[in-house]
Protein backbone atom coordinates (compact mmCIF):
# COMPACT_ATOMS: atom_id res chain seq x y z
CA UNK A 1 -18.27 8.16 -21.69
CA UNK A 2 -17.78 6.18 -25.05
CA UNK A 3 -18.86 9.34 -26.97
CA UNK A 4 -15.81 11.45 -25.46
CA UNK A 5 -13.13 8.89 -26.40
CA UNK A 6 -14.91 8.20 -30.09
CA UNK A 7 -14.29 12.11 -30.31
CA UNK A 8 -10.74 12.15 -28.88
CA UNK A 9 -9.63 9.20 -31.05
CA UNK A 10 -11.91 9.82 -34.22
CA UNK A 11 -9.29 8.57 -36.58
CA UNK A 12 -8.66 5.26 -34.97
CA UNK A 13 -12.27 4.69 -33.95
CA UNK A 14 -13.29 2.69 -37.57
CA UNK A 15 -10.66 0.26 -36.79
CA UNK A 16 -11.65 -1.23 -33.59
CA UNK A 17 -13.92 -3.90 -33.27
CA UNK A 18 -15.39 -2.98 -29.28
CA UNK A 19 -15.85 0.64 -27.58
CA UNK A 20 -12.64 2.48 -27.39
CA UNK A 21 -13.27 3.34 -23.93
CA UNK A 22 -14.15 -0.09 -23.19
CA UNK A 23 -10.86 -1.42 -24.69
CA UNK A 24 -8.60 1.05 -23.17
CA UNK A 25 -10.01 1.22 -19.71
CA UNK A 26 -10.28 -2.46 -19.06
CA UNK A 27 -6.89 -2.96 -20.27
CA UNK A 28 -5.45 -0.62 -17.86
CA UNK A 29 -7.55 -2.04 -15.50
CA UNK A 30 -6.34 -5.44 -15.79
CA UNK A 31 -2.85 -4.50 -15.89
CA UNK A 32 -3.54 -3.16 -12.55
CA UNK A 33 -5.49 -5.75 -11.29
CA UNK A 34 -2.59 -8.23 -12.43
CA UNK A 35 -0.55 -6.39 -10.17
CA UNK A 36 -2.54 -6.59 -7.19
CA UNK A 37 -2.94 -10.30 -7.54
CA UNK A 38 0.69 -10.94 -7.72
CA UNK A 39 0.97 -8.66 -4.56
CA UNK A 40 -1.58 -10.73 -2.94
CA UNK A 41 -0.03 -14.08 -3.92
CA UNK A 42 3.27 -12.86 -2.56
CA UNK A 43 1.56 -12.21 0.58
CA UNK A 44 -0.12 -15.21 1.11
CA UNK A 45 3.37 -17.30 0.09
CA UNK A 46 5.28 -15.47 2.59
CA UNK A 47 2.60 -15.92 5.10
CA UNK A 48 2.56 -19.63 4.63
CA UNK A 49 6.41 -20.06 4.63
CA UNK A 50 6.71 -18.13 7.95
CA UNK A 51 4.22 -20.27 9.51
CA UNK A 52 5.63 -23.53 8.27
CA UNK A 53 9.33 -22.23 9.56
CA UNK A 54 8.01 -20.94 12.96
CA UNK A 55 8.51 -24.31 14.70
CA UNK A 56 11.98 -24.70 13.53
CA UNK A 57 12.81 -21.20 14.43
CA UNK A 58 11.94 -21.97 18.02
CA UNK A 59 13.79 -24.76 18.59
CA UNK A 60 17.45 -24.37 20.02
CA UNK A 61 20.69 -25.30 18.43
CA UNK A 62 21.95 -28.69 18.57
CA UNK A 63 24.57 -29.53 21.38
CA UNK A 64 26.40 -32.59 22.81
CA UNK A 65 24.91 -32.32 25.84
CA UNK A 66 21.40 -32.94 24.28
CA UNK A 67 20.98 -37.00 24.83
CA UNK A 68 21.08 -35.89 28.80
CA UNK A 69 18.87 -32.80 28.51
CA UNK A 70 16.29 -34.01 26.16
CA UNK A 71 14.69 -31.57 23.53
CA UNK A 72 15.16 -27.99 24.16
CA UNK A 73 12.82 -25.20 23.20
CA UNK A 74 13.29 -21.48 23.30
CA UNK A 75 10.69 -19.77 25.16
CA UNK A 76 10.11 -16.23 23.85
CA UNK A 77 6.87 -14.38 23.54
CA UNK A 78 4.95 -15.47 20.41
CA UNK A 79 3.66 -12.55 18.25
CA UNK A 80 -0.13 -12.36 18.10
CA UNK A 81 -1.90 -13.62 15.14
CA UNK A 82 -3.31 -10.66 13.15
CA UNK A 83 -5.41 -12.34 9.96
CA UNK A 84 -7.51 -8.39 9.56
CA UNK A 85 -5.67 -5.93 7.38
CA UNK A 86 -6.78 -2.27 6.37
CA UNK A 87 -4.93 -0.48 3.67
CA UNK A 88 -5.18 2.58 1.52
CA UNK A 89 -2.48 3.90 -0.88
CA UNK A 90 -2.11 7.01 -3.36
CA UNK A 91 0.15 6.57 -6.62
CA UNK A 92 0.98 9.00 -9.13
CA UNK A 93 2.43 7.86 -12.51
CA UNK A 94 3.13 9.02 -16.04
CA UNK A 95 2.42 6.78 -19.06
CA UNK A 96 3.55 7.00 -22.48
CA UNK A 97 0.46 5.21 -24.03
CA UNK A 98 -2.86 6.38 -22.12
CA UNK A 99 -5.18 4.54 -24.66
CA UNK A 100 -2.98 1.41 -25.41
CA UNK A 101 -3.11 1.86 -28.86
CA UNK A 102 -0.28 1.34 -31.82
CA UNK A 103 -0.72 4.07 -34.07
CA UNK A 104 -2.06 7.02 -31.73
CA UNK A 105 -0.07 7.32 -28.86
CA UNK A 106 -0.91 9.83 -25.98
CA UNK A 107 1.00 10.15 -22.98
CA UNK A 108 -0.54 11.54 -19.78
CA UNK A 109 -0.07 11.54 -15.99
CA UNK A 110 -2.84 9.58 -13.86
CA UNK A 111 -3.69 9.25 -10.28
CA UNK A 112 -4.52 5.95 -8.76
CA UNK A 113 -6.00 5.77 -5.12
CA UNK A 114 -7.22 2.80 -3.23
CA UNK A 115 -8.88 1.18 0.17
CA UNK A 116 -8.72 -2.14 0.97
CA UNK A 117 -9.89 -4.42 3.92
CA UNK A 118 -8.58 -7.84 3.91
CA UNK A 119 -9.07 -11.00 6.23
CA UNK A 120 -6.15 -13.60 6.29
CA UNK A 121 -7.12 -16.48 8.35
CA UNK A 122 -4.81 -19.92 8.81
CA UNK A 123 -7.33 -22.49 8.08
CA UNK A 124 -5.07 -25.56 8.71
CA UNK A 125 -1.35 -26.11 9.29
CA UNK A 126 -0.83 -25.83 5.51
CA UNK A 127 -4.23 -24.08 4.61
CA UNK A 128 -4.67 -20.21 4.19
CA UNK A 129 -7.63 -18.25 3.52
CA UNK A 130 -8.07 -14.57 1.89
CA UNK A 131 -10.95 -12.23 1.69
CA UNK A 132 -10.47 -8.71 0.27
CA UNK A 133 -12.78 -5.78 -0.86
CA UNK A 134 -10.77 -3.30 -2.88
CA UNK A 135 -12.24 0.18 -4.00
CA UNK A 136 -9.72 2.11 -6.58
CA UNK A 137 -10.24 5.38 -8.36
CA UNK A 138 -8.33 6.21 -11.59
CA UNK A 139 -7.87 9.74 -12.45
CA UNK A 140 -6.30 11.24 -15.51
CA UNK A 141 -4.63 14.66 -16.13
CA UNK A 142 -5.47 15.46 -19.57
CA UNK A 143 -8.05 12.53 -20.89
CA UNK A 144 -10.38 12.91 -18.39
CA UNK A 145 -12.54 10.69 -20.36
CA UNK A 146 -10.33 7.78 -19.64
CA UNK A 147 -11.45 8.45 -15.49
CA UNK A 148 -12.82 5.39 -14.20
CA UNK A 149 -13.65 3.55 -10.72
CA UNK A 150 -12.93 -0.13 -10.18
CA UNK A 151 -14.37 -2.11 -7.15
CA UNK A 152 -12.92 -5.54 -6.47
CA UNK A 153 -14.59 -8.34 -4.03
CA UNK A 154 -12.93 -11.60 -3.73
CA UNK A 155 -11.33 -14.42 -1.90
CA UNK A 156 -9.69 -18.04 -2.26
CA UNK A 157 -7.65 -20.29 -0.44
CA UNK A 158 -3.89 -21.34 -0.67
CA UNK A 159 -2.29 -24.71 0.12
CA UNK A 160 1.13 -25.31 0.91
CA UNK A 161 2.38 -28.80 -0.42
CA UNK A 162 5.31 -29.90 1.92
CA UNK A 163 6.07 -33.29 -0.42
CA UNK A 164 6.55 -30.76 -3.44
CA UNK A 165 9.03 -28.13 -1.69
CA UNK A 166 6.47 -26.37 -0.05
CA UNK A 167 4.82 -25.26 -3.52
CA UNK A 168 1.90 -23.22 -2.99
CA UNK A 169 -1.41 -23.92 -4.76
CA UNK A 170 -4.03 -21.22 -4.93
CA UNK A 171 -7.61 -21.04 -6.22
CA UNK A 172 -9.23 -17.56 -5.77
CA UNK A 173 -12.60 -16.12 -7.12
CA UNK A 174 -13.07 -12.34 -7.98
CA UNK A 175 -15.81 -9.92 -8.75
CA UNK A 176 -14.90 -6.67 -10.45
CA UNK A 177 -17.27 -3.87 -11.06
CA UNK A 178 -16.04 -0.80 -13.55
CA UNK A 179 -17.99 2.67 -13.46
CA UNK A 180 -16.91 5.66 -15.66
CA UNK A 181 -15.59 8.67 -13.31
CA UNK A 182 -18.27 11.36 -14.16
CA UNK A 183 -21.81 9.83 -14.06
CA UNK A 184 -20.39 6.83 -12.19
CA UNK A 185 -22.43 4.57 -14.55
CA UNK A 186 -21.46 0.66 -14.69
CA UNK A 187 -20.06 -0.17 -17.99
CA UNK A 188 -18.16 -3.48 -17.46
CA UNK A 189 -18.55 -6.40 -15.10
CA UNK A 190 -16.41 -9.28 -14.59
CA UNK A 191 -16.31 -12.65 -12.80
CA UNK A 192 -13.15 -14.44 -12.93
CA UNK A 193 -11.75 -17.82 -11.17
CA UNK A 194 -8.05 -17.85 -10.92
CA UNK A 195 -5.85 -21.02 -10.39
CA UNK A 196 -2.06 -20.41 -9.73
CA UNK A 197 0.87 -22.54 -8.81
CA UNK A 198 3.71 -20.64 -7.01
CA UNK A 199 7.16 -21.23 -5.54
CA UNK A 200 9.75 -19.56 -3.54
CA UNK A 201 13.44 -20.28 -3.62
CA UNK A 202 15.62 -18.59 -0.88
CA UNK A 203 19.10 -17.83 -1.40
CA UNK A 204 19.43 -16.56 1.69
CA UNK A 205 17.42 -14.40 4.33
CA UNK A 206 18.10 -11.34 2.44
CA UNK A 207 17.02 -12.37 -0.91
CA UNK A 208 14.69 -15.14 -2.99
CA UNK A 209 13.56 -15.74 -6.00
CA UNK A 210 9.87 -16.57 -7.29
CA UNK A 211 8.02 -17.95 -10.17
CA UNK A 212 4.80 -19.30 -11.02
CA UNK A 213 2.03 -19.79 -13.43
CA UNK A 214 -1.67 -19.22 -13.36
CA UNK A 215 -5.09 -19.85 -15.70
CA UNK A 216 -7.61 -17.10 -14.97
CA UNK A 217 -11.07 -17.89 -16.43
CA UNK A 218 -13.69 -14.60 -16.76
CA UNK A 219 -17.17 -14.22 -17.33
CA UNK A 220 -18.03 -10.68 -18.49
CA UNK A 221 -20.74 -8.49 -19.46
CA UNK A 222 -20.67 -7.15 -22.16
CA UNK A 223 -19.26 -10.22 -23.80
CA UNK A 224 -16.64 -8.25 -26.27
CA UNK A 225 -13.97 -7.85 -23.80
CA UNK A 226 -14.41 -11.44 -21.93
CA UNK A 227 -11.04 -13.04 -22.12
CA UNK A 228 -9.24 -16.02 -20.39
CA UNK A 229 -5.64 -15.43 -19.46
CA UNK A 230 -2.70 -17.99 -19.44
CA UNK A 231 0.62 -16.69 -17.76
CA UNK A 232 3.97 -17.13 -16.16
CA UNK A 233 5.95 -15.21 -14.02
CA UNK A 234 9.82 -14.96 -12.59
CA UNK A 235 10.90 -12.35 -9.99
CA UNK A 236 13.73 -11.24 -7.67
CA UNK A 237 13.43 -9.62 -4.22
CA UNK A 238 16.44 -8.36 -2.02
CA UNK A 239 16.37 -6.75 1.34
CA UNK A 240 18.78 -4.09 0.92
CA UNK A 241 18.43 -2.88 4.80
CA UNK A 242 16.00 -3.49 7.13
CA UNK A 243 14.01 -0.39 5.47
CA UNK A 244 14.84 -0.89 1.98
CA UNK A 245 14.08 -3.50 -0.57
CA UNK A 246 14.04 -4.04 -4.55
CA UNK A 247 11.95 -6.17 -6.60
CA UNK A 248 12.13 -7.19 -10.49
CA UNK A 249 9.80 -9.58 -12.20
CA UNK A 250 8.81 -10.56 -15.70
CA UNK A 251 5.62 -11.72 -16.89
CA UNK A 252 4.60 -13.38 -20.13
CA UNK A 253 0.75 -14.09 -20.64
CA UNK A 254 -1.61 -15.42 -23.31
CA UNK A 255 -5.20 -13.68 -23.54
CA UNK A 256 -7.63 -15.58 -25.24
CA UNK A 257 -10.79 -13.41 -26.29
CA UNK A 258 -14.29 -14.89 -26.39
CA UNK A 259 -14.75 -12.76 -29.53
CA UNK A 260 -11.77 -14.56 -31.54
CA UNK A 261 -9.33 -12.19 -30.54
CA UNK A 262 -5.73 -13.48 -29.52
CA UNK A 263 -2.70 -11.40 -27.56
CA UNK A 264 0.37 -12.27 -26.49
CA UNK A 265 1.76 -9.84 -23.62
CA UNK A 266 4.66 -9.45 -21.71
CA UNK A 267 5.50 -6.91 -18.64
CA UNK A 268 8.75 -6.09 -17.08
CA UNK A 269 8.64 -4.45 -13.78
CA UNK A 270 11.21 -2.92 -11.35
CA UNK A 271 10.42 -1.35 -7.86
CA UNK A 272 12.08 0.28 -4.80
CA UNK A 273 10.21 -0.03 -1.52
CA UNK A 274 11.29 2.14 1.60
CA UNK A 275 9.39 1.30 4.93
CA UNK A 276 9.31 4.52 7.01
CA UNK A 277 7.54 2.88 9.83
CA UNK A 278 5.58 -0.16 10.18
CA UNK A 279 2.71 0.66 8.82
CA UNK A 280 3.97 3.56 6.17
CA UNK A 281 5.75 2.85 3.10
CA UNK A 282 6.97 4.74 0.15
CA UNK A 283 7.89 3.10 -3.47
CA UNK A 284 8.84 3.48 -6.73
CA UNK A 285 7.90 1.74 -9.80
CA UNK A 286 8.35 1.38 -13.58
CA UNK A 287 7.29 -1.32 -15.84
CA UNK A 288 7.63 -1.70 -19.83
CA UNK A 289 4.43 -3.47 -21.49
CA UNK A 290 4.41 -5.12 -24.86
CA UNK A 291 0.94 -6.33 -26.46
CA UNK A 292 1.04 -8.37 -29.54
CA UNK A 293 -2.32 -9.38 -31.29
CA UNK A 294 -4.24 -11.08 -34.15
CA UNK A 295 -5.54 -7.82 -34.45
CA UNK A 296 -3.01 -5.41 -35.21
CA UNK A 297 -5.02 -2.34 -33.89
CA UNK A 298 -4.47 -3.87 -30.38
CA UNK A 299 -0.78 -3.91 -30.66
CA UNK A 300 1.20 -1.72 -28.29
CA UNK A 301 4.00 -0.68 -26.19
CA UNK A 302 3.73 1.24 -22.93
CA UNK A 303 6.01 2.62 -20.26
CA UNK A 304 4.67 3.29 -16.82
CA UNK A 305 6.38 4.94 -13.96
CA UNK A 306 5.80 6.90 -10.58
CA UNK A 307 5.47 6.86 -7.02
CA UNK A 308 3.19 5.49 -4.12
CA UNK A 309 2.52 5.93 -0.64
CA UNK A 310 0.72 3.14 0.92
CA UNK A 311 -0.31 2.83 4.51
CA UNK A 312 -1.49 -0.68 6.01
CA UNK A 313 -2.78 -1.98 9.73
CA UNK A 314 -3.01 -5.30 10.63
CA UNK A 315 -5.12 -6.48 13.83
């Protein structure tokens, strides 16, 4: 795989301090995985927020007769807790910079398909767990040498701190294994521990703002691409109708590589999601990425845009 990429980007190969295939593919994977982690964090926060407000929603509105009648509770069927989720999605994207380089930009189309199984139990009143196994496949239209597969196995806990306005604190471990798309040979292995802090501000039942920060610590093989990440994010989500929602977010992060490379990374993203049924959805997403490094060859700008069809079943 590395040999094919060296041929495709021969003019830039002499400038790179690590394998081009390794730098390009892991950068693409890191951006995809960062988005997945953010979606998982949002899911955990929403589950926690719904659980904490469940008791309040079941109480009847106050009335002048409360002292005579006593505490009143609305009796209604409680929805069964479904901690297991099986999901799958297929996406088609256009990218303006498939290799994530500065001087040799090549646009391309790529497909991403993934399947996942997740278990999210409520461990205590304000404590939630999560374990997820996810297999993903990335295939490019023209630059087939960039094809790769990604396996993620991870889990963690999220605790809702009531005295701090229900701020969520999470700790998560993840194992990531990358193999090339042709021979399926492993070329990257990564262990990470992420510590995060997040908060949701409800503006109404239809829309809210979310923000947070995180620190990711990594142990990678090969070591050349090992990096820690420190980031902050801010987002806004609105439910336009019962079936249609929109989301916009910004993320700023510092990538601290073990081998002396430092990157400042920014991502702007927006999306529109339509729930066709309870289990099936279609979404359109677009993102702009900007990377500034102390090694100029790793400076880049990229636009990604595409459509995703997703199915999810809980039980």
